């Protein structure tokens, strides 16, 4: 088939590349003239990344994980440690 470009797969090796690819995805509808701003595109996860707002597209991120855990009445051990809930303080003389 002429004119058809096969999809490209690549591994994202670091945070800089992740942000670069995410910016491309979010800005592409604007660049193509489909909307004025990234948050205007209804199939974008931009709103969720920028403000934690629910949209048509849900991505797995800390906000969605926290919301799911709160709805289930629990927080993850990592979230408990950050918020001071759960594990408590280590006893004197214990190794961490």
PDB file of N, CA and C in Angstrom:
ATOM      1  N   UNK A   1       0.847  -1.180   0.000  1.00  0.00           N
ATOM      2  CA  UNK A   1       0.000   0.000   0.000  1.00  0.00           C
ATOM      3  C   UNK A   1       0.890   1.240   0.000  1.00  0.00           C
ATOM      4  N   UNK A   2       0.753   2.043  -0.994  1.00  0.00           N
ATOM      5  CA  UNK A   2       1.581   3.246  -1.054  1.00  0.00           C
ATOM      6  C   UNK A   2       0.963   4.360  -0.205  1.00  0.00           C
ATOM      7  N   UNK A   3       1.834   5.168   0.381  1.00  0.00           N
ATOM      8  CA  UNK A   3       1.363   6.295   1.177  1.00  0.00           C
ATOM      9  C   UNK A   3       1.042   5.959   2.621  1.00  0.00           C
ATOM     10  N   UNK A   4       1.091   4.677   2.983  1.00  0.00           N
ATOM     11  CA  UNK A   4       0.791   4.281   4.355  1.00  0.00           C
ATOM     12  C   UNK A   4       2.106   4.091   5.099  1.00  0.00           C
ATOM     13  N   UNK A   5       2.229   4.794   6.209  1.00  0.00           N
ATOM     14  CA  UNK A   5       3.441   4.701   7.018  1.00  0.00           C
ATOM     15  C   UNK A   5       3.168   3.734   8.162  1.00  0.00           C
ATOM     16  N   UNK A   6       3.987   2.702   8.303  1.00  0.00           N
ATOM     17  CA  UNK A   6       3.753   1.767   9.403  1.00  0.00           C
ATOM     18  C   UNK A   6       4.001   2.441  10.754  1.00  0.00           C
ATOM     19  N   UNK A   7       3.308   2.002  11.796  1.00  0.00           N
ATOM     20  CA  UNK A   7       3.520   2.595  13.111  1.00  0.00           C
ATOM     21  C   UNK A   7       4.947   2.351  13.605  1.00  0.00           C
ATOM     22  N   UNK A   8       5.434   3.272  14.387  1.00  0.00           N
ATOM     23  CA  UNK A   8       6.783   3.176  14.925  1.00  0.00           C
ATOM     24  C   UNK A   8       6.684   2.876  16.412  1.00  0.00           C
ATOM     25  N   UNK A   9       7.469   1.925  16.842  1.00  0.00           N
ATOM     26  CA  UNK A   9       7.508   1.582  18.257  1.00  0.00           C
ATOM     27  C   UNK A   9       8.882   1.966  18.796  1.00  0.00           C
ATOM     28  N   UNK A  10       8.899   2.582  19.980  1.00  0.00           N
ATOM     29  CA  UNK A  10      10.181   2.923  20.569  1.00  0.00           C
ATOM     30  C   UNK A  10      10.087   2.809  22.083  1.00  0.00           C
ATOM     31  N   UNK A  11      11.216   2.563  22.678  1.00  0.00           N
ATOM     32  CA  UNK A  11      11.288   2.505  24.130  1.00  0.00           C
ATOM     33  C   UNK A  11      11.664   3.889  24.647  1.00  0.00           C
ATOM     34  N   UNK A  12      10.975   4.314  25.692  1.00  0.00           N
ATOM     35  CA  UNK A  12      11.288   5.583  26.328  1.00  0.00           C
ATOM     36  C   UNK A  12      12.223   5.272  27.475  1.00  0.00           C
ATOM     37  N   UNK A  13      13.424   5.823  27.404  1.00  0.00           N
ATOM     38  CA  UNK A  13      14.481   5.438  28.335  1.00  0.00           C
ATOM     39  C   UNK A  13      14.612   6.338  29.551  1.00  0.00           C
ATOM     40  N   UNK A  14      14.056   7.560  29.493  1.00  0.00           N
ATOM     41  CA  UNK A  14      14.232   8.454  30.629  1.00  0.00           C
ATOM     42  C   UNK A  14      13.081   9.463  30.679  1.00  0.00           C
ATOM     43  N   UNK A  15      13.062  10.249  31.728  1.00  0.00           N
ATOM     44  CA  UNK A  15      11.973  11.207  31.940  1.00  0.00           C
ATOM     45  C   UNK A  15      11.940  12.281  30.851  1.00  0.00           C
ATOM     46  N   UNK A  16      13.098  12.722  30.394  1.00  0.00           N
ATOM     47  CA  UNK A  16      13.151  13.737  29.337  1.00  0.00           C
ATOM     48  C   UNK A  16      12.438  13.246  28.077  1.00  0.00           C
ATOM     49  N   UNK A  17      12.693  12.004  27.684  1.00  0.00           N
ATOM     50  CA  UNK A  17      12.030  11.443  26.504  1.00  0.00           C
ATOM     51  C   UNK A  17      10.530  11.290  26.746  1.00  0.00           C
ATOM     52  N   UNK A  18      10.155  10.901  27.957  1.00  0.00           N
ATOM     53  CA  UNK A  18       8.736  10.764  28.291  1.00  0.00           C
ATOM     54  C   UNK A  18       8.017  12.103  28.103  1.00  0.00           C
ATOM     55  N   UNK A  19       8.591  13.173  28.653  1.00  0.00           N
ATOM     56  CA  UNK A  19       7.987  14.502  28.543  1.00  0.00           C
ATOM     57  C   UNK A  19       7.953  14.952  27.082  1.00  0.00           C
ATOM     58  N   UNK A  20       9.007  14.678  26.343  1.00  0.00           N
ATOM     59  CA  UNK A  20       9.064  15.044  24.920  1.00  0.00           C
ATOM     60  C   UNK A  20       7.925  14.383  24.143  1.00  0.00           C
ATOM     61  N   UNK A  21       7.734  13.092  24.345  1.00  0.00           N
ATOM     62  CA  UNK A  21       6.686  12.365  23.610  1.00  0.00           C
ATOM     63  C   UNK A  21       5.298  12.783  24.067  1.00  0.00           C
ATOM     64  N   UNK A  22       5.144  13.021  25.373  1.00  0.00           N
ATOM     65  CA  UNK A  22       3.855  13.461  25.896  1.00  0.00           C
ATOM     66  C   UNK A  22       3.490  14.834  25.332  1.00  0.00           C
ATOM     67  N   UNK A  23       4.447  15.738  25.274  1.00  0.00           N
ATOM     68  CA  UNK A  23       4.193  17.069  24.694  1.00  0.00           C
ATOM     69  C   UNK A  23       3.788  16.956  23.236  1.00  0.00           C
ATOM     70  N   UNK A  24       4.449  16.066  22.500  1.00  0.00           N
ATOM     71  CA  UNK A  24       4.084  15.868  21.090  1.00  0.00           C
ATOM     72  C   UNK A  24       2.630  15.412  20.989  1.00  0.00           C
ATOM     73  N   UNK A  25       2.269  14.414  21.796  1.00  0.00           N
ATOM     74  CA  UNK A  25       0.898  13.882  21.752  1.00  0.00           C
ATOM     75  C   UNK A  25      -0.139  14.943  22.101  1.00  0.00           C
ATOM     76  N   UNK A  26       0.154  15.725  23.117  1.00  0.00           N
ATOM     77  CA  UNK A  26      -0.806  16.734  23.577  1.00  0.00           C
ATOM     78  C   UNK A  26      -0.896  17.926  22.634  1.00  0.00           C
ATOM     79  N   UNK A  27       0.200  18.282  21.999  1.00  0.00           N
ATOM     80  CA  UNK A  27       0.210  19.462  21.124  1.00  0.00           C
ATOM     81  C   UNK A  27      -0.192  19.156  19.693  1.00  0.00           C
ATOM     82  N   UNK A  28      -0.179  17.889  19.302  1.00  0.00           N
ATOM     83  CA  UNK A  28      -0.462  17.537  17.913  1.00  0.00           C
ATOM     84  C   UNK A  28      -1.846  17.997  17.437  1.00  0.00           C
ATOM     85  N   UNK A  29      -2.943  17.808  18.210  1.00  0.00           N
ATOM     86  CA  UNK A  29      -4.243  18.303  17.725  1.00  0.00           C
ATOM     87  C   UNK A  29      -4.258  19.821  17.516  1.00  0.00           C
ATOM     88  N   UNK A  30      -3.524  20.562  18.341  1.00  0.00           N
ATOM     89  CA  UNK A  30      -3.425  22.015  18.189  1.00  0.00           C
ATOM     90  C   UNK A  30      -2.661  22.339  16.912  1.00  0.00           C
ATOM     91  N   UNK A  31      -1.528  21.667  16.730  1.00  0.00           N
ATOM     92  CA  UNK A  31      -0.691  21.900  15.550  1.00  0.00           C
ATOM     93  C   UNK A  31      -1.461  21.596  14.260  1.00  0.00           C
ATOM     94  N   UNK A  32      -2.317  20.585  14.303  1.00  0.00           N
ATOM     95  CA  UNK A  32      -3.090  20.194  13.114  1.00  0.00           C
ATOM     96  C   UNK A  32      -4.351  21.039  12.923  1.00  0.00           C
ATOM     97  N   UNK A  33      -4.605  21.966  13.860  1.00  0.00           N
ATOM     98  CA  UNK A  33      -5.759  22.854  13.725  1.00  0.00           C
ATOM     99  C   UNK A  33      -7.072  22.237  14.153  1.00  0.00           C
ATOM    100  N   UNK A  34      -7.030  21.144  14.910  1.00  0.00           N
ATOM    101  CA  UNK A  34      -8.251  20.479  15.351  1.00  0.00           C
ATOM    102  C   UNK A  34      -8.858  21.131  16.592  1.00  0.00           C
ATOM    103  N   UNK A  35      -8.045  21.900  17.329  1.00  0.00           N
ATOM    104  CA  UNK A  35      -8.516  22.620  18.507  1.00  0.00           C
ATOM    105  C   UNK A  35      -7.558  23.780  18.773  1.00  0.00           C
ATOM    106  N   UNK A  36      -7.984  24.696  19.639  1.00  0.00           N
ATOM    107  CA  UNK A  36      -7.161  25.872  19.921  1.00  0.00           C
ATOM    108  C   UNK A  36      -6.123  25.604  21.005  1.00  0.00           C
ATOM    109  N   UNK A  37      -6.468  24.767  21.982  1.00  0.00           N
ATOM    110  CA  UNK A  37      -5.566  24.474  23.103  1.00  0.00           C
ATOM    111  C   UNK A  37      -5.607  22.972  23.390  1.00  0.00           C
ATOM    112  N   UNK A  38      -4.557  22.415  23.979  1.00  0.00           N
ATOM    113  CA  UNK A  38      -4.533  20.971  24.270  1.00  0.00           C
ATOM    114  C   UNK A  38      -5.704  20.506  25.136  1.00  0.00           C
ATOM    115  N   UNK A  39      -6.152  21.339  26.086  1.00  0.00           N
ATOM    116  CA  UNK A  39      -7.261  20.907  26.942  1.00  0.00           C
ATOM    117  C   UNK A  39      -8.615  20.993  26.252  1.00  0.00           C
ATOM    118  N   UNK A  40      -8.675  21.550  25.032  1.00  0.00           N
ATOM    119  CA  UNK A  40      -9.916  21.556  24.259  1.00  0.00           C
ATOM    120  C   UNK A  40     -10.169  20.219  23.558  1.00  0.00           C
ATOM    121  N   UNK A  41      -9.138  19.429  23.373  1.00  0.00           N
ATOM    122  CA  UNK A  41      -9.248  18.155  22.651  1.00  0.00           C
ATOM    123  C   UNK A  41      -9.819  17.102  23.596  1.00  0.00           C
ATOM    124  N   UNK A  42     -11.025  16.626  23.329  1.00  0.00           N
ATOM    125  CA  UNK A  42     -11.713  15.748  24.269  1.00  0.00           C
ATOM    126  C   UNK A  42     -11.083  14.370  24.431  1.00  0.00           C
ATOM    127  N   UNK A  43     -10.277  13.939  23.476  1.00  0.00           N
ATOM    128  CA  UNK A  43      -9.631  12.624  23.579  1.00  0.00           C
ATOM    129  C   UNK A  43      -8.222  12.722  24.152  1.00  0.00           C
ATOM    130  N   UNK A  44      -7.924  13.841  24.773  1.00  0.00           N
ATOM    131  CA  UNK A  44      -6.609  14.076  25.340  1.00  0.00           C
ATOM    132  C   UNK A  44      -6.595  13.758  26.831  1.00  0.00           C
ATOM    133  N   UNK A  45      -5.438  13.369  27.330  1.00  0.00           N
ATOM    134  CA  UNK A  45      -5.266  13.176  28.775  1.00  0.00           C
ATOM    135  C   UNK A  45      -4.628  14.412  29.400  1.00  0.00           C
ATOM    136  N   UNK A  46      -4.545  15.502  28.639  1.00  0.00           N
ATOM    137  CA  UNK A  46      -3.908  16.731  29.104  1.00  0.00           C
ATOM    138  C   UNK A  46      -4.532  17.241  30.404  1.00  0.00           C
ATOM    139  N   UNK A  47      -5.872  17.281  30.464  1.00  0.00           N
ATOM    140  CA  UNK A  47      -6.545  17.799  31.659  1.00  0.00           C
ATOM    141  C   UNK A  47      -6.192  16.987  32.890  1.00  0.00           C
ATOM    142  N   UNK A  48      -6.081  15.678  32.716  1.00  0.00           N
ATOM    143  CA  UNK A  48      -5.747  14.821  33.848  1.00  0.00           C
ATOM    144  C   UNK A  48      -4.318  15.075  34.320  1.00  0.00           C
ATOM    145  N   UNK A  49      -3.383  15.196  33.392  1.00  0.00           N
ATOM    146  CA  UNK A  49      -1.994  15.484  33.771  1.00  0.00           C
ATOM    147  C   UNK A  49      -1.873  16.875  34.390  1.00  0.00           C
ATOM    148  N   UNK A  50      -2.549  17.858  33.806  1.00  0.00           N
ATOM    149  CA  UNK A  50      -2.387  19.239  34.246  1.00  0.00           C
ATOM    150  C   UNK A  50      -3.103  19.548  35.554  1.00  0.00           C
ATOM    151  N   UNK A  51      -4.294  18.981  35.750  1.00  0.00           N
ATOM    152  CA  UNK A  51      -5.088  19.391  36.909  1.00  0.00           C
ATOM    153  C   UNK A  51      -5.750  18.238  37.656  1.00  0.00           C
ATOM    154  N   UNK A  52      -5.567  17.018  37.188  1.00  0.00           N
ATOM    155  CA  UNK A  52      -6.198  15.894  37.858  1.00  0.00           C
ATOM    156  C   UNK A  52      -7.684  15.767  37.558  1.00  0.00           C
ATOM    157  N   UNK A  53      -8.161  16.470  36.541  1.00  0.00           N
ATOM    158  CA  UNK A  53      -9.580  16.423  36.173  1.00  0.00           C
ATOM    159  C   UNK A  53      -9.878  15.178  35.353  1.00  0.00           C
ATOM    160  N   UNK A  54     -11.035  14.606  35.580  1.00  0.00           N
ATOM    161  CA  UNK A  54     -11.442  13.459  34.779  1.00  0.00           C
ATOM    162  C   UNK A  54     -11.818  13.926  33.381  1.00  0.00           C
ATOM    163  N   UNK A  55     -11.514  13.112  32.421  1.00  0.00           N
ATOM    164  CA  UNK A  55     -11.866  13.411  31.038  1.00  0.00           C
ATOM    165  C   UNK A  55     -12.285  12.144  30.335  1.00  0.00           C
ATOM    166  N   UNK A  56     -12.378  12.204  29.041  1.00  0.00           N
ATOM    167  CA  UNK A  56     -12.770  11.044  28.245  1.00  0.00           C
ATOM    168  C   UNK A  56     -11.694   9.956  28.296  1.00  0.00           C
ATOM    169  N   UNK A  57     -10.434  10.374  28.389  1.00  0.00           N
ATOM    170  CA  UNK A  57      -9.315   9.440  28.427  1.00  0.00           C
ATOM    171  C   UNK A  57      -8.763   9.407  29.846  1.00  0.00           C
ATOM    172  N   UNK A  58      -8.678   8.209  30.423  1.00  0.00           N
ATOM    173  CA  UNK A  58      -8.082   8.081  31.746  1.00  0.00           C
ATOM    174  C   UNK A  58      -6.745   7.373  31.624  1.00  0.00           C
ATOM    175  N   UNK A  59      -5.761   7.930  32.264  1.00  0.00           N
ATOM    176  CA  UNK A  59      -4.439   7.329  32.277  1.00  0.00           C
ATOM    177  C   UNK A  59      -4.135   6.882  33.693  1.00  0.00           C
ATOM    178  N   UNK A  60      -3.241   5.970  33.839  1.00  0.00           N
ATOM    179  CA  UNK A  60      -2.826   5.551  35.177  1.00  0.00           C
ATOM    180  C   UNK A  60      -1.765   6.524  35.659  1.00  0.00           C
ATOM    181  N   UNK A  61      -2.053   7.199  36.733  1.00  0.00           N
ATOM    182  CA  UNK A  61      -1.114   8.133  37.337  1.00  0.00           C
ATOM    183  C   UNK A  61      -1.382   8.138  38.835  1.00  0.00           C
ATOM    184  N   UNK A  62      -0.624   8.909  39.563  1.00  0.00           N
ATOM    185  CA  UNK A  62      -0.795   8.934  41.016  1.00  0.00           C
ATOM    186  C   UNK A  62      -2.207   9.368  41.400  1.00  0.00           C
ATOM    187  N   UNK A  63      -2.785  10.350  40.675  1.00  0.00           N
ATOM    188  CA  UNK A  63      -4.122  10.824  41.005  1.00  0.00           C
ATOM    189  C   UNK A  63      -5.169   9.730  40.836  1.00  0.00           C
ATOM    190  N   UNK A  64      -5.107   8.989  39.734  1.00  0.00           N
ATOM    191  CA  UNK A  64      -6.116   7.942  39.532  1.00  0.00           C
ATOM    192  C   UNK A  64      -5.933   6.808  40.530  1.00  0.00           C
ATOM    193  N   UNK A  65      -4.683   6.475  40.839  1.00  0.00           N
ATOM    194  CA  UNK A  65      -4.427   5.424  41.823  1.00  0.00           C
ATOM    195  C   UNK A  65      -4.959   5.840  43.188  1.00  0.00           C
ATOM    196  N   UNK A  66      -4.697   7.078  43.588  1.00  0.00           N
ATOM    197  CA  UNK A  66      -5.190   7.576  44.880  1.00  0.00           C
ATOM    198  C   UNK A  66      -6.710   7.574  44.932  1.00  0.00           C
ATOM    199  N   UNK A  67      -7.357   8.046  43.862  1.00  0.00           N
ATOM    200  CA  UNK A  67      -8.822   8.089  43.823  1.00  0.00           C
ATOM    201  C   UNK A  67      -9.403   6.689  43.954  1.00  0.00           C
ATOM    202  N   UNK A  68      -8.793   5.727  43.263  1.00  0.00           N
ATOM    203  CA  UNK A  68      -9.266   4.341  43.332  1.00  0.00           C
ATOM    204  C   UNK A  68      -9.080   3.774  44.739  1.00  0.00           C
ATOM    205  N   UNK A  69      -7.937   4.081  45.351  1.00  0.00           N
ATOM    206  CA  UNK A  69      -7.667   3.591  46.708  1.00  0.00           C
ATOM    207  C   UNK A  69      -8.590   4.244  47.725  1.00  0.00           C
ATOM    208  N   UNK A  70      -8.843   5.547  47.566  1.00  0.00           N
ATOM    209  CA  UNK A  70      -9.774   6.217  48.479  1.00  0.00           C
ATOM    210  C   UNK A  70     -11.168   5.621  48.341  1.00  0.00           C
ATOM    211  N   UNK A  71     -11.603   5.356  47.104  1.00  0.00           N
ATOM    212  CA  UNK A  71     -12.923   4.773  46.875  1.00  0.00           C
ATOM    213  C   UNK A  71     -13.038   3.400  47.516  1.00  0.00           C
ATOM    214  N   UNK A  72     -11.926   2.656  47.568  1.00  0.00           N
ATOM    215  CA  UNK A  72     -11.926   1.325  48.175  1.00  0.00           C
ATOM    216  C   UNK A  72     -11.686   1.394  49.691  1.00  0.00           C
ATOM    217  N   UNK A  73     -11.432   2.617  50.205  1.00  0.00           N
ATOM    218  CA  UNK A  73     -11.211   2.779  51.627  1.00  0.00           C
ATOM    219  C   UNK A  73      -9.805   2.434  52.086  1.00  0.00           C
ATOM    220  N   UNK A  74      -8.857   2.527  51.178  1.00  0.00           N
ATOM    221  CA  UNK A  74      -7.469   2.224  51.564  1.00  0.00           C
ATOM    222  C   UNK A  74      -6.511   3.062  50.728  1.00  0.00           C
ATOM    223  N   UNK A  75      -5.324   3.223  51.229  1.00  0.00           N
ATOM    224  CA  UNK A  75      -4.247   3.866  50.483  1.00  0.00           C
ATOM    225  C   UNK A  75      -3.110   2.872  50.345  1.00  0.00           C
ATOM    226  N   UNK A  76      -2.300   3.025  49.332  1.00  0.00           N
ATOM    227  CA  UNK A  76      -1.157   2.137  49.140  1.00  0.00           C
ATOM    228  C   UNK A  76      -0.125   2.376  50.237  1.00  0.00           C
ATOM    229  N   UNK A  77       0.745   1.404  50.531  1.00  0.00           N
ATOM    230  CA  UNK A  77       1.795   1.612  51.539  1.00  0.00           C
ATOM    231  C   UNK A  77       2.660   2.831  51.254  1.00  0.00           C
ATOM    232  N   UNK A  78       2.976   3.086  49.986  1.00  0.00           N
ATOM    233  CA  UNK A  78       3.786   4.249  49.645  1.00  0.00           C
ATOM    234  C   UNK A  78       3.045   5.538  49.978  1.00  0.00           C
ATOM    235  N   UNK A  79       1.762   5.594  49.666  1.00  0.00           N
ATOM    236  CA  UNK A  79       0.973   6.784  49.973  1.00  0.00           C
ATOM    237  C   UNK A  79       0.824   6.946  51.479  1.00  0.00           C
ATOM    238  N   UNK A  80       0.681   5.836  52.195  1.00  0.00           N
ATOM    239  CA  UNK A  80       0.586   5.903  53.651  1.00  0.00           C
ATOM    240  C   UNK A  80       1.867   6.462  54.243  1.00  0.00           C
ATOM    241  N   UNK A  81       3.011   6.063  53.710  1.00  0.00           N
ATOM    242  CA  UNK A  81       4.297   6.540  54.213  1.00  0.00           C
ATOM    243  C   UNK A  81       4.435   8.038  53.970  1.00  0.00           C
ATOM    244  N   UNK A  82       4.018   8.499  52.785  1.00  0.00           N
ATOM    245  CA  UNK A  82       4.123   9.926  52.468  1.00  0.00           C
ATOM    246  C   UNK A  82       3.177  10.765  53.307  1.00  0.00           C
ATOM    247  N   UNK A  83       2.007  10.220  53.626  1.00  0.00           N
ATOM    248  CA  UNK A  83       1.022  10.991  54.375  1.00  0.00           C
ATOM    249  C   UNK A  83       1.153  10.774  55.872  1.00  0.00           C
ATOM    250  N   UNK A  84       2.033   9.865  56.286  1.00  0.00           N
ATOM    251  CA  UNK A  84       2.207   9.603  57.712  1.00  0.00           C
ATOM    252  C   UNK A  84       1.187   8.639  58.270  1.00  0.00           C
ATOM    253  N   UNK A  85       0.416   7.985  57.401  1.00  0.00           N
ATOM    254  CA  UNK A  85      -0.589   7.026  57.852  1.00  0.00           C
ATOM    255  C   UNK A  85      -0.040   5.615  57.748  1.00  0.00           C
ATOM    256  N   UNK A  86      -0.397   4.768  58.657  1.00  0.00           N
ATOM    257  CA  UNK A  86      -0.082   3.358  58.480  1.00  0.00           C
ATOM    258  C   UNK A  86       1.116   2.845  59.228  1.00  0.00           C
ATOM    259  N   UNK A  87       2.309   3.006  58.724  1.00  0.00           N
ATOM    260  CA  UNK A  87       3.467   2.296  59.240  1.00  0.00           C
ATOM    261  C   UNK A  87       3.948   2.805  60.588  1.00  0.00           C
ATOM    262  N   UNK A  88       3.697   4.050  60.900  1.00  0.00           N
ATOM    263  CA  UNK A  88       4.160   4.601  62.163  1.00  0.00           C
ATOM    264  C   UNK A  88       5.652   4.885  62.148  1.00  0.00           C
ATOM    265  N   UNK A  89       6.184   5.187  63.312  1.00  0.00           N
ATOM    266  CA  UNK A  89       7.603   5.511  63.408  1.00  0.00           C
ATOM    267  C   UNK A  89       8.382   4.291  63.827  1.00  0.00           C
ATOM    268  N   UNK A  90       9.584   4.125  63.294  1.00  0.00           N
ATOM    269  CA  UNK A  90      10.376   2.973  63.684  1.00  0.00           C
ATOM    270  C   UNK A  90      10.784   3.085  65.154  1.00  0.00           C
ATOM    271  N   UNK A  91      10.921   1.932  65.800  1.00  0.00           N
ATOM    272  CA  UNK A  91      11.375   1.914  67.200  1.00  0.00           C
ATOM    273  C   UNK A  91      12.831   2.282  67.246  1.00  0.00           C
ATOM    274  N   UNK A  92      13.214   2.884  68.358  1.00  0.00           N
ATOM    275  CA  UNK A  92      14.604   3.285  68.545  1.00  0.00           C
ATOM    276  C   UNK A  92      15.505   2.067  68.445  1.00  0.00           C
ATOM    277  N   UNK A  93      16.594   2.202  67.677  1.00  0.00           N
ATOM    278  CA  UNK A  93      17.538   1.108  67.523  1.00  0.00           C
ATOM    279  C   UNK A  93      17.231   0.173  66.376  1.00  0.00           C
ATOM    280  N   UNK A  94      16.084   0.335  65.691  1.00  0.00           N
ATOM    281  CA  UNK A  94      15.776  -0.546  64.560  1.00  0.00           C
ATOM    282  C   UNK A  94      16.409  -0.001  63.294  1.00  0.00           C
ATOM    283  N   UNK A  95      16.829  -0.906  62.450  1.00  0.00           N
ATOM    284  CA  UNK A  95      17.441  -0.498  61.184  1.00  0.00           C
ATOM    285  C   UNK A  95      16.345  -0.338  60.143  1.00  0.00           C
ATOM    286  N   UNK A  96      16.523   0.641  59.309  1.00  0.00           N
ATOM    287  CA  UNK A  96      15.572   0.860  58.211  1.00  0.00           C
ATOM    288  C   UNK A  96      16.096   0.255  56.948  1.00  0.00           C
TER     289      UNK A  96
END
